[in-house]
Amino acid sequence: MKRAPIVAPIVEGHGEVAAVRQLITRIGERHAVWIEVAQPFRLDSAKMRKPEELAKAVRLQEVRVKGRTGGVLIIRDGDDSDIQCPVELARLIAPEAEAFSVPVEVVIAYHEYEAWILASADSLRSHPSVRDNAVAPAEPEAKRNAKAQLESMMHESYKETLHQAKFSSMIDLAMASEKSRSFRRMMHAVEKLIGLPGS
């Protein structure tokens, strides 16, 4: 029996550990594919920026994927200094492909993960913490501090560990993809790892 594809994520934040599992699962469901999501490996911001630490994390996640369709997915927020071109930044931090036996994809969230949620704020209105008039800005990645913009649409303070995963389970993927170039890259990276045709 053919086993489901597996994606082993590496993330920065505590909230992203659960949130990324939601996103990856939902991207698979969009294509009627069940994806096994390995336990995400959390690598803090400082270590994420050290090539040797990132490579070490990839090796740990590589073990979970070997012999299966799938790969390792690195998700990192952009910095004030390097956000000018997230695609170029992804190329710069990507580990040497030949160093690993499984595919590795790098996705840089433009400014921060919450910009992806902000790009589909309209679809969060049914959540009790979100205001009924929440609307995604025309350019959700244009400004920094998506967390504050998101919080302005809520009845309470935004907390990553409380809201990030739930909001990730609710956002309209098509809307987020349309408004956020880096989210489109996220979707494409997952589709590529699980071997979808044309990805």
N, C-alpha and C. Protein backbone atom coordinates (compact mmCIF):
# COMPACT_ATOMS: atom_id res chain seq x y z
N MET A 1 0.84 -1.20 0.00
CA MET A 1 0.00 0.00 0.00
C MET A 1 0.88 1.25 0.00
N LYS A 2 0.58 2.17 -0.89
CA LYS A 2 1.38 3.38 -1.01
C LYS A 2 1.15 4.29 0.19
N ARG A 3 2.24 4.76 0.77
CA ARG A 3 2.13 5.63 1.94
C ARG A 3 1.91 7.07 1.52
N ALA A 4 1.24 7.83 2.38
CA ALA A 4 0.97 9.24 2.11
C ALA A 4 2.28 10.02 2.07
N PRO A 5 2.32 11.10 1.29
CA PRO A 5 3.51 11.94 1.31
C PRO A 5 3.68 12.58 2.69
N ILE A 6 4.91 12.90 3.02
CA ILE A 6 5.20 13.48 4.33
C ILE A 6 5.99 14.77 4.18
N VAL A 7 5.61 15.77 4.97
CA VAL A 7 6.33 17.04 4.99
C VAL A 7 6.81 17.26 6.42
N ALA A 8 8.09 17.53 6.57
CA ALA A 8 8.69 17.76 7.89
C ALA A 8 9.11 19.23 7.99
N PRO A 9 8.35 20.04 8.71
CA PRO A 9 8.63 21.48 8.77
C PRO A 9 9.70 21.87 9.79
N ILE A 10 10.33 23.01 9.51
CA ILE A 10 11.20 23.68 10.46
C ILE A 10 10.66 25.10 10.58
N VAL A 11 10.35 25.54 11.79
CA VAL A 11 9.72 26.85 11.99
C VAL A 11 10.45 27.62 13.08
N GLU A 12 10.11 28.92 13.21
CA GLU A 12 10.76 29.78 14.21
C GLU A 12 9.96 29.90 15.51
N GLY A 13 8.65 30.17 15.38
CA GLY A 13 7.86 30.53 16.56
C GLY A 13 7.12 29.37 17.20
N HIS A 14 6.78 29.54 18.48
CA HIS A 14 6.02 28.51 19.19
C HIS A 14 4.64 28.33 18.55
N GLY A 15 3.98 29.44 18.19
CA GLY A 15 2.65 29.35 17.59
C GLY A 15 2.66 28.65 16.24
N GLU A 16 3.77 28.77 15.53
CA GLU A 16 3.86 28.18 14.19
C GLU A 16 3.94 26.66 14.21
N VAL A 17 4.34 26.09 15.34
CA VAL A 17 4.45 24.64 15.43
C VAL A 17 3.11 23.99 15.09
N ALA A 18 2.03 24.50 15.68
CA ALA A 18 0.69 23.97 15.39
C ALA A 18 0.10 24.59 14.13
N ALA A 19 0.35 25.88 13.91
CA ALA A 19 -0.25 26.58 12.77
C ALA A 19 0.19 26.01 11.43
N VAL A 20 1.48 25.71 11.31
CA VAL A 20 2.00 25.20 10.04
C VAL A 20 1.42 23.82 9.73
N ARG A 21 1.18 23.03 10.75
CA ARG A 21 0.55 21.72 10.52
C ARG A 21 -0.84 21.91 9.89
N GLN A 22 -1.55 22.90 10.39
CA GLN A 22 -2.88 23.19 9.84
C GLN A 22 -2.78 23.59 8.37
N LEU A 23 -1.86 24.50 8.07
CA LEU A 23 -1.73 25.00 6.70
C LEU A 23 -1.35 23.89 5.73
N ILE A 24 -0.36 23.09 6.10
CA ILE A 24 0.10 22.03 5.20
C ILE A 24 -1.02 21.02 4.95
N THR A 25 -1.72 20.64 6.00
CA THR A 25 -2.83 19.70 5.86
C THR A 25 -3.89 20.25 4.93
N ARG A 26 -4.21 21.52 5.09
CA ARG A 26 -5.26 22.14 4.27
C ARG A 26 -4.84 22.29 2.81
N ILE A 27 -3.58 22.57 2.58
CA ILE A 27 -3.10 22.66 1.19
C ILE A 27 -3.24 21.30 0.52
N GLY A 28 -2.94 20.23 1.24
CA GLY A 28 -3.13 18.89 0.70
C GLY A 28 -4.60 18.60 0.41
N GLU A 29 -5.47 18.97 1.34
CA GLU A 29 -6.91 18.73 1.16
C GLU A 29 -7.44 19.45 -0.07
N ARG A 30 -6.86 20.59 -0.36
CA ARG A 30 -7.27 21.37 -1.54
C ARG A 30 -7.07 20.56 -2.82
N HIS A 31 -6.10 19.64 -2.77
CA HIS A 31 -5.81 18.80 -3.93
C HIS A 31 -6.26 17.35 -3.70
N ALA A 32 -7.10 17.16 -2.68
CA ALA A 32 -7.59 15.81 -2.33
C ALA A 32 -6.44 14.86 -2.02
N VAL A 33 -5.41 15.39 -1.36
CA VAL A 33 -4.25 14.59 -0.97
C VAL A 33 -4.08 14.69 0.55
N TRP A 34 -4.00 13.54 1.21
CA TRP A 34 -3.73 13.56 2.63
C TRP A 34 -2.22 13.59 2.83
N ILE A 35 -1.77 14.61 3.53
CA ILE A 35 -0.33 14.77 3.79
C ILE A 35 -0.06 14.44 5.26
N GLU A 36 0.91 13.59 5.48
CA GLU A 36 1.36 13.37 6.85
C GLU A 36 2.32 14.50 7.20
N VAL A 37 2.03 15.21 8.26
CA VAL A 37 2.90 16.31 8.68
C VAL A 37 3.69 15.85 9.90
N ALA A 38 5.00 15.75 9.75
CA ALA A 38 5.85 15.36 10.87
C ALA A 38 5.86 16.45 11.92
N GLN A 39 6.22 16.07 13.14
CA GLN A 39 6.32 17.07 14.21
C GLN A 39 7.28 18.18 13.78
N PRO A 40 6.79 19.42 13.72
CA PRO A 40 7.67 20.52 13.32
C PRO A 40 8.84 20.70 14.29
N PHE A 41 9.98 21.03 13.73
CA PHE A 41 11.16 21.31 14.54
C PHE A 41 11.26 22.81 14.71
N ARG A 42 11.25 23.29 15.95
CA ARG A 42 11.33 24.73 16.18
C ARG A 42 12.78 25.15 16.37
N LEU A 43 13.20 26.06 15.51
CA LEU A 43 14.56 26.60 15.56
C LEU A 43 14.42 28.10 15.78
N ASP A 44 14.87 28.61 16.91
CA ASP A 44 14.62 30.02 17.20
C ASP A 44 15.29 30.94 16.18
N SER A 45 14.86 32.18 16.21
CA SER A 45 15.28 33.16 15.20
C SER A 45 16.79 33.26 15.05
N ALA A 46 17.50 33.30 16.15
CA ALA A 46 18.96 33.44 16.09
C ALA A 46 19.61 32.23 15.43
N LYS A 47 19.18 31.03 15.80
CA LYS A 47 19.76 29.82 15.23
C LYS A 47 19.35 29.64 13.77
N MET A 48 18.14 30.08 13.44
CA MET A 48 17.66 29.97 12.05
C MET A 48 18.59 30.72 11.11
N ARG A 49 19.26 31.72 11.62
CA ARG A 49 20.13 32.56 10.80
C ARG A 49 21.58 32.08 10.79
N LYS A 50 21.84 30.94 11.43
CA LYS A 50 23.18 30.34 11.40
C LYS A 50 23.14 29.11 10.50
N PRO A 51 23.85 29.13 9.37
CA PRO A 51 23.79 28.02 8.41
C PRO A 51 24.04 26.65 9.03
N GLU A 52 24.98 26.57 9.97
CA GLU A 52 25.29 25.27 10.55
C GLU A 52 24.14 24.76 11.43
N GLU A 53 23.45 25.67 12.11
CA GLU A 53 22.32 25.27 12.95
C GLU A 53 21.13 24.85 12.09
N LEU A 54 20.92 25.59 11.01
CA LEU A 54 19.82 25.26 10.10
C LEU A 54 20.07 23.91 9.44
N ALA A 55 21.30 23.67 9.01
CA ALA A 55 21.65 22.39 8.38
C ALA A 55 21.45 21.23 9.36
N LYS A 56 21.78 21.47 10.62
CA LYS A 56 21.60 20.44 11.65
C LYS A 56 20.11 20.10 11.81
N ALA A 57 19.27 21.13 11.80
CA ALA A 57 17.82 20.92 11.91
C ALA A 57 17.28 20.15 10.70
N VAL A 58 17.81 20.49 9.51
CA VAL A 58 17.36 19.79 8.30
C VAL A 58 17.74 18.30 8.39
N ARG A 59 18.92 18.02 8.90
CA ARG A 59 19.34 16.61 9.03
C ARG A 59 18.41 15.85 9.97
N LEU A 60 17.99 16.49 11.05
CA LEU A 60 17.08 15.85 11.99
C LEU A 60 15.73 15.55 11.34
N GLN A 61 15.23 16.51 10.55
CA GLN A 61 13.94 16.31 9.89
C GLN A 61 14.05 15.37 8.68
N GLU A 62 15.21 15.35 8.06
CA GLU A 62 15.46 14.47 6.92
C GLU A 62 15.18 13.01 7.28
N VAL A 63 15.54 12.63 8.48
CA VAL A 63 15.35 11.25 8.94
C VAL A 63 13.88 10.85 8.90
N ARG A 64 13.00 11.80 9.17
CA ARG A 64 11.56 11.52 9.20
C ARG A 64 10.99 11.28 7.80
N VAL A 65 11.71 11.75 6.78
CA VAL A 65 11.19 11.70 5.41
C VAL A 65 11.79 10.58 4.58
N LYS A 66 12.99 10.15 4.89
CA LYS A 66 13.72 9.20 4.06
C LYS A 66 12.86 8.03 3.62
N GLY A 67 12.95 7.71 2.33
CA GLY A 67 12.21 6.59 1.79
C GLY A 67 10.77 6.90 1.45
N ARG A 68 10.35 8.14 1.62
CA ARG A 68 8.98 8.54 1.36
C ARG A 68 8.93 9.67 0.34
N THR A 69 7.78 9.85 -0.28
CA THR A 69 7.54 11.06 -1.07
C THR A 69 7.37 12.20 -0.09
N GLY A 70 8.01 13.33 -0.36
CA GLY A 70 7.89 14.48 0.53
C GLY A 70 9.23 15.15 0.72
N GLY A 71 9.38 15.88 1.80
CA GLY A 71 10.62 16.58 2.05
C GLY A 71 10.55 17.48 3.26
N VAL A 72 11.57 18.29 3.41
CA VAL A 72 11.68 19.22 4.54
C VAL A 72 11.26 20.61 4.07
N LEU A 73 10.44 21.27 4.89
CA LEU A 73 9.95 22.62 4.57
C LEU A 73 10.43 23.59 5.64
N ILE A 74 11.27 24.54 5.23
CA ILE A 74 11.77 25.57 6.15
C ILE A 74 10.93 26.82 5.97
N ILE A 75 10.35 27.31 7.08
CA ILE A 75 9.54 28.53 7.03
C ILE A 75 10.15 29.56 7.97
N ARG A 76 10.47 30.73 7.43
CA ARG A 76 11.12 31.76 8.21
C ARG A 76 10.51 33.11 7.93
N ASP A 77 10.41 33.96 8.95
CA ASP A 77 9.98 35.34 8.75
C ASP A 77 11.10 36.13 8.10
N GLY A 78 10.74 37.18 7.38
CA GLY A 78 11.74 38.07 6.81
C GLY A 78 12.23 39.06 7.85
N ASP A 79 13.36 39.69 7.59
CA ASP A 79 13.94 40.69 8.50
C ASP A 79 13.76 42.08 7.92
N ASP A 80 13.90 43.09 8.78
CA ASP A 80 13.89 44.47 8.29
C ASP A 80 14.99 44.67 7.25
N SER A 81 16.14 44.08 7.47
CA SER A 81 17.29 44.32 6.60
C SER A 81 17.27 43.51 5.32
N ASP A 82 16.59 42.37 5.34
CA ASP A 82 16.68 41.51 4.16
C ASP A 82 15.33 41.28 3.46
N ILE A 83 14.31 42.01 3.87
CA ILE A 83 12.98 41.75 3.34
C ILE A 83 12.78 42.25 1.91
N GLN A 84 13.75 43.01 1.41
CA GLN A 84 13.61 43.56 0.06
C GLN A 84 13.27 42.49 -0.97
N CYS A 85 13.86 41.32 -0.83
CA CYS A 85 13.59 40.26 -1.79
C CYS A 85 13.56 38.91 -1.08
N PRO A 86 12.36 38.47 -0.64
CA PRO A 86 12.27 37.20 0.07
C PRO A 86 12.70 36.01 -0.77
N VAL A 87 12.50 36.08 -2.09
CA VAL A 87 12.90 34.98 -2.96
C VAL A 87 14.42 34.82 -2.94
N GLU A 88 15.12 35.95 -3.03
CA GLU A 88 16.57 35.91 -2.99
C GLU A 88 17.07 35.46 -1.63
N LEU A 89 16.38 35.91 -0.58
CA LEU A 89 16.75 35.49 0.77
C LEU A 89 16.60 33.98 0.92
N ALA A 90 15.53 33.43 0.37
CA ALA A 90 15.31 31.98 0.44
C ALA A 90 16.46 31.24 -0.24
N ARG A 91 16.91 31.79 -1.37
CA ARG A 91 18.03 31.16 -2.09
C ARG A 91 19.31 31.21 -1.24
N LEU A 92 19.50 32.33 -0.57
CA LEU A 92 20.72 32.51 0.21
C LEU A 92 20.80 31.57 1.40
N ILE A 93 19.67 31.33 2.06
CA ILE A 93 19.72 30.50 3.27
C ILE A 93 19.48 29.03 2.99
N ALA A 94 19.03 28.70 1.77
CA ALA A 94 18.75 27.30 1.45
C ALA A 94 20.01 26.45 1.59
N PRO A 95 19.94 25.35 2.34
CA PRO A 95 21.10 24.46 2.46
C PRO A 95 21.45 23.85 1.10
N GLU A 96 22.69 23.45 0.94
CA GLU A 96 23.13 22.82 -0.30
C GLU A 96 22.30 21.56 -0.56
N ALA A 97 21.63 21.53 -1.71
CA ALA A 97 20.72 20.42 -2.01
C ALA A 97 21.41 19.07 -1.97
N GLU A 98 22.67 19.02 -2.45
CA GLU A 98 23.37 17.73 -2.52
C GLU A 98 23.77 17.20 -1.13
N ALA A 99 23.62 18.04 -0.12
CA ALA A 99 23.99 17.62 1.24
C ALA A 99 22.93 16.73 1.88
N PHE A 100 21.75 16.66 1.25
CA PHE A 100 20.65 15.91 1.84
C PHE A 100 20.03 14.93 0.84
N SER A 101 19.43 13.90 1.37
CA SER A 101 18.88 12.85 0.50
C SER A 101 17.40 13.07 0.20
N VAL A 102 16.82 14.15 0.74
CA VAL A 102 15.41 14.45 0.48
C VAL A 102 15.29 15.90 0.01
N PRO A 103 14.22 16.24 -0.71
CA PRO A 103 14.03 17.62 -1.14
C PRO A 103 13.88 18.57 0.05
N VAL A 104 14.40 19.79 -0.11
CA VAL A 104 14.26 20.82 0.92
C VAL A 104 13.76 22.09 0.25
N GLU A 105 12.66 22.64 0.76
CA GLU A 105 12.11 23.89 0.24
C GLU A 105 12.17 24.95 1.33
N VAL A 106 12.48 26.19 0.93
CA VAL A 106 12.55 27.31 1.86
C VAL A 106 11.50 28.34 1.48
N VAL A 107 10.71 28.76 2.48
CA VAL A 107 9.69 29.79 2.26
C VAL A 107 9.93 30.92 3.25
N ILE A 108 9.99 32.14 2.73
CA ILE A 108 10.14 33.32 3.59
C ILE A 108 8.80 34.03 3.65
N ALA A 109 8.21 34.09 4.85
CA ALA A 109 6.96 34.85 5.02
C ALA A 109 7.31 36.34 4.93
N TYR A 110 6.69 37.04 4.01
CA TYR A 110 7.01 38.45 3.81
C TYR A 110 6.68 39.22 5.08
N HIS A 111 7.68 39.75 5.72
CA HIS A 111 7.60 40.39 7.04
C HIS A 111 7.37 39.36 8.14
N GLU A 112 6.21 38.69 8.13
CA GLU A 112 5.92 37.73 9.20
C GLU A 112 4.76 36.82 8.81
N TYR A 113 4.66 35.71 9.49
CA TYR A 113 3.62 34.70 9.23
C TYR A 113 2.23 35.32 9.24
N GLU A 114 2.01 36.25 10.19
CA GLU A 114 0.67 36.82 10.32
C GLU A 114 0.19 37.59 9.10
N ALA A 115 1.12 37.98 8.22
CA ALA A 115 0.70 38.65 6.98
C ALA A 115 -0.13 37.70 6.12
N TRP A 116 0.14 36.39 6.21
CA TRP A 116 -0.66 35.40 5.48
C TRP A 116 -2.08 35.34 6.02
N ILE A 117 -2.21 35.43 7.34
CA ILE A 117 -3.54 35.42 7.95
C ILE A 117 -4.27 36.72 7.61
N LEU A 118 -3.54 37.82 7.69
CA LEU A 118 -4.10 39.13 7.38
C LEU A 118 -4.64 39.18 5.95
N ALA A 119 -3.98 38.49 5.04
CA ALA A 119 -4.38 38.48 3.62
C ALA A 119 -5.76 37.86 3.41
N SER A 120 -6.24 37.14 4.42
CA SER A 120 -7.56 36.52 4.31
C SER A 120 -8.41 36.83 5.55
N ALA A 121 -8.26 38.03 6.07
CA ALA A 121 -8.95 38.41 7.31
C ALA A 121 -10.47 38.28 7.21
N ASP A 122 -11.02 38.52 6.02
CA ASP A 122 -12.48 38.43 5.84
C ASP A 122 -13.01 37.06 6.27
N SER A 123 -12.22 36.03 6.03
CA SER A 123 -12.69 34.66 6.30
C SER A 123 -12.61 34.28 7.77
N LEU A 124 -12.15 35.20 8.62
CA LEU A 124 -12.04 34.92 10.05
C LEU A 124 -13.24 35.45 10.84
N ARG A 125 -14.19 36.09 10.18
CA ARG A 125 -15.29 36.75 10.89
C ARG A 125 -16.11 35.82 11.77
N SER A 126 -16.15 34.55 11.43
CA SER A 126 -16.95 33.62 12.23
C SER A 126 -16.26 33.23 13.55
N HIS A 127 -14.99 33.61 13.68
CA HIS A 127 -14.28 33.32 14.93
C HIS A 127 -14.74 34.32 16.00
N PRO A 128 -15.06 33.86 17.20
CA PRO A 128 -15.58 34.78 18.23
C PRO A 128 -14.64 35.91 18.62
N SER A 129 -13.36 35.77 18.35
CA SER A 129 -12.40 36.82 18.70
C SER A 129 -12.27 37.90 17.64
N VAL A 130 -12.89 37.65 16.47
CA VAL A 130 -12.71 38.56 15.33
C VAL A 130 -13.98 39.38 15.09
N ARG A 131 -13.79 40.63 14.78
CA ARG A 131 -14.93 41.53 14.53
C ARG A 131 -15.66 41.15 13.25
N ASP A 132 -16.94 41.44 13.22
CA ASP A 132 -17.78 41.09 12.06
C ASP A 132 -17.42 41.88 10.81
N ASN A 133 -16.72 42.99 10.97
CA ASN A 133 -16.37 43.82 9.81
C ASN A 133 -14.90 43.68 9.40
N ALA A 134 -14.25 42.61 9.85
CA ALA A 134 -12.84 42.40 9.50
C ALA A 134 -12.67 42.28 7.99
N VAL A 135 -11.74 43.03 7.44
CA VAL A 135 -11.50 43.03 5.99
C VAL A 135 -9.99 43.03 5.74
N ALA A 136 -9.55 42.18 4.86
CA ALA A 136 -8.13 42.14 4.51
C ALA A 136 -7.73 43.42 3.78
N PRO A 137 -6.59 44.01 4.12
CA PRO A 137 -6.14 45.18 3.37
C PRO A 137 -5.82 44.81 1.92
N ALA A 138 -5.87 45.78 1.05
CA ALA A 138 -5.61 45.52 -0.37
C ALA A 138 -4.21 44.95 -0.57
N GLU A 139 -3.25 45.43 0.23
CA GLU A 139 -1.87 44.94 0.14
C GLU A 139 -1.40 44.53 1.54
N PRO A 140 -1.75 43.33 1.96
CA PRO A 140 -1.43 42.90 3.33
C PRO A 140 0.05 42.80 3.64
N GLU A 141 0.89 42.73 2.62
CA GLU A 141 2.33 42.62 2.84
C GLU A 141 3.05 43.96 2.70
N ALA A 142 2.28 45.04 2.52
CA ALA A 142 2.90 46.35 2.27
C ALA A 142 3.56 46.93 3.51
N LYS A 143 3.00 46.61 4.69
CA LYS A 143 3.53 47.18 5.93
C LYS A 143 4.01 46.08 6.87
N ARG A 144 4.91 46.47 7.77
CA ARG A 144 5.32 45.56 8.82
C ARG A 144 4.26 45.52 9.91
N ASN A 145 4.45 44.62 10.85
CA ASN A 145 3.59 44.48 12.02
C ASN A 145 2.17 44.05 11.65
N ALA A 146 2.10 42.95 10.93
CA ALA A 146 0.79 42.38 10.61
C ALA A 146 0.04 41.97 11.87
N LYS A 147 0.78 41.62 12.92
CA LYS A 147 0.14 41.24 14.18
C LYS A 147 -0.75 42.37 14.69
N ALA A 148 -0.22 43.60 14.68
CA ALA A 148 -0.99 44.75 15.16
C ALA A 148 -2.20 45.02 14.27
N GLN A 149 -2.01 44.87 12.96
CA GLN A 149 -3.13 45.08 12.04
C GLN A 149 -4.22 44.05 12.29
N LEU A 150 -3.80 42.82 12.53
CA LEU A 150 -4.74 41.74 12.81
C LEU A 150 -5.46 42.00 14.13
N GLU A 151 -4.72 42.42 15.12
CA GLU A 151 -5.30 42.68 16.44
C GLU A 151 -6.35 43.79 16.39
N SER A 152 -6.15 44.76 15.47
CA SER A 152 -7.11 45.86 15.35
C SER A 152 -8.47 45.38 14.85
N MET A 153 -8.51 44.16 14.31
CA MET A 153 -9.76 43.58 13.82
C MET A 153 -10.35 42.59 14.83
N MET A 154 -9.75 42.55 16.02
CA MET A 154 -10.18 41.58 17.02
C MET A 154 -10.77 42.25 18.26
N HIS A 155 -11.48 41.46 19.06
CA HIS A 155 -12.05 41.93 20.32
C HIS A 155 -11.08 41.76 21.48
N GLU A 156 -9.94 41.15 21.24
CA GLU A 156 -8.98 40.86 22.29
C GLU A 156 -7.57 40.94 21.74
N SER A 157 -6.59 40.81 22.59
CA SER A 157 -5.19 40.85 22.15
C SER A 157 -4.86 39.60 21.35
N TYR A 158 -4.07 39.78 20.31
CA TYR A 158 -3.63 38.64 19.51
C TYR A 158 -2.48 37.94 20.20
N LYS A 159 -2.60 36.64 20.36
CA LYS A 159 -1.54 35.83 20.95
C LYS A 159 -1.23 34.67 20.01
N GLU A 160 0.04 34.56 19.62
CA GLU A 160 0.44 33.53 18.65
C GLU A 160 0.00 32.14 19.08
N THR A 161 0.30 31.79 20.32
CA THR A 161 0.02 30.42 20.76
C THR A 161 -1.47 30.15 20.92
N LEU A 162 -2.26 31.20 21.02
CA LEU A 162 -3.71 31.04 21.18
C LEU A 162 -4.45 31.11 19.85
N HIS A 163 -4.01 32.02 18.97
CA HIS A 163 -4.79 32.30 17.75
C HIS A 163 -4.18 31.80 16.44
N GLN A 164 -2.88 31.64 16.38
CA GLN A 164 -2.22 31.38 15.10
C GLN A 164 -2.72 30.09 14.44
N ALA A 165 -2.78 29.01 15.19
CA ALA A 165 -3.22 27.74 14.61
C ALA A 165 -4.68 27.78 14.22
N LYS A 166 -5.53 28.34 15.09
CA LYS A 166 -6.96 28.40 14.79
C LYS A 166 -7.23 29.24 13.56
N PHE A 167 -6.58 30.39 13.47
CA PHE A 167 -6.77 31.24 12.29
C PHE A 167 -6.25 30.54 11.03
N SER A 168 -5.16 29.80 11.16
CA SER A 168 -4.62 29.08 10.01
C SER A 168 -5.58 28.00 9.52
N SER A 169 -6.38 27.48 10.42
CA SER A 169 -7.35 26.45 10.04
C SER A 169 -8.58 27.05 9.37
N MET A 170 -8.72 28.39 9.45
CA MET A 170 -9.93 29.04 8.94
C MET A 170 -9.72 29.87 7.69
N ILE A 171 -8.51 30.36 7.46
CA ILE A 171 -8.32 31.31 6.36
C ILE A 171 -8.69 30.72 5.01
N ASP A 172 -9.16 31.58 4.14
CA ASP A 172 -9.49 31.20 2.77
C ASP A 172 -8.17 31.13 2.00
N LEU A 173 -7.76 29.92 1.64
CA LEU A 173 -6.46 29.75 0.99
C LEU A 173 -6.38 30.48 -0.35
N ALA A 174 -7.48 30.46 -1.10
CA ALA A 174 -7.49 31.12 -2.41
C ALA A 174 -7.32 32.63 -2.24
N MET A 175 -7.99 33.20 -1.25
CA MET A 175 -7.89 34.64 -1.02
C MET A 175 -6.49 35.01 -0.55
N ALA A 176 -5.95 34.23 0.37
CA ALA A 176 -4.60 34.50 0.87
C ALA A 176 -3.58 34.39 -0.26
N SER A 177 -3.76 33.41 -1.11
CA SER A 177 -2.85 33.21 -2.24
C SER A 177 -2.94 34.36 -3.23
N GLU A 178 -4.14 34.87 -3.43
CA GLU A 178 -4.34 35.97 -4.38
C GLU A 178 -3.68 37.26 -3.89
N LYS A 179 -3.75 37.51 -2.57
CA LYS A 179 -3.28 38.77 -2.03
C LYS A 179 -1.82 38.74 -1.55
N SER A 180 -1.30 37.54 -1.33
CA SER A 180 0.05 37.42 -0.77
C SER A 180 0.95 36.57 -1.65
N ARG A 181 1.95 37.20 -2.22
CA ARG A 181 2.88 36.47 -3.09
C ARG A 181 3.65 35.41 -2.30
N SER A 182 4.04 35.75 -1.05
CA SER A 182 4.81 34.77 -0.28
C SER A 182 3.95 33.59 0.15
N PHE A 183 2.63 33.80 0.29
CA PHE A 183 1.76 32.67 0.61
C PHE A 183 1.61 31.77 -0.62
N ARG A 184 1.56 32.38 -1.80
CA ARG A 184 1.54 31.57 -3.03
C ARG A 184 2.78 30.69 -3.09
N ARG A 185 3.90 31.26 -2.68
CA ARG A 185 5.16 30.51 -2.65
C ARG A 185 5.06 29.34 -1.65
N MET A 186 4.42 29.59 -0.51
CA MET A 186 4.21 28.55 0.50
C MET A 186 3.41 27.39 -0.10
N MET A 187 2.33 27.73 -0.77
CA MET A 187 1.49 26.69 -1.37
C MET A 187 2.26 25.91 -2.42
N HIS A 188 3.01 26.63 -3.24
CA HIS A 188 3.77 25.97 -4.31
C HIS A 188 4.84 25.04 -3.72
N ALA A 189 5.47 25.47 -2.63
CA ALA A 189 6.51 24.66 -2.00
C ALA A 189 5.93 23.35 -1.50
N VAL A 190 4.77 23.40 -0.85
CA VAL A 190 4.13 22.17 -0.36
C VAL A 190 3.73 21.27 -1.52
N GLU A 191 3.14 21.88 -2.55
CA GLU A 191 2.71 21.10 -3.73
C GLU A 191 3.91 20.43 -4.39
N LYS A 192 5.03 21.13 -4.44
CA LYS A 192 6.24 20.57 -5.04
C LYS A 192 6.77 19.39 -4.21
N LEU A 193 6.79 19.55 -2.89
CA LEU A 193 7.29 18.49 -2.02
C LEU A 193 6.47 17.21 -2.12
N ILE A 194 5.16 17.35 -2.28
CA ILE A 194 4.32 16.16 -2.32
C ILE A 194 4.16 15.60 -3.74
N GLY A 195 4.87 16.24 -4.69
CA GLY A 195 4.93 15.70 -6.04
C GLY A 195 3.73 15.92 -6.92
N LEU A 196 3.02 17.04 -6.70
CA LEU A 196 1.88 17.32 -7.57
C LEU A 196 2.37 17.71 -8.97
N PRO A 197 1.70 17.22 -10.00
CA PRO A 197 2.10 17.54 -11.38
C PRO A 197 2.10 19.05 -11.62
N GLY A 198 3.11 19.54 -12.30
CA GLY A 198 3.17 20.94 -12.65
C GLY A 198 3.70 21.86 -11.55
N SER A 199 4.00 21.27 -10.39
CA SER A 199 4.46 22.12 -9.29
C SER A 199 5.98 22.25 -9.29
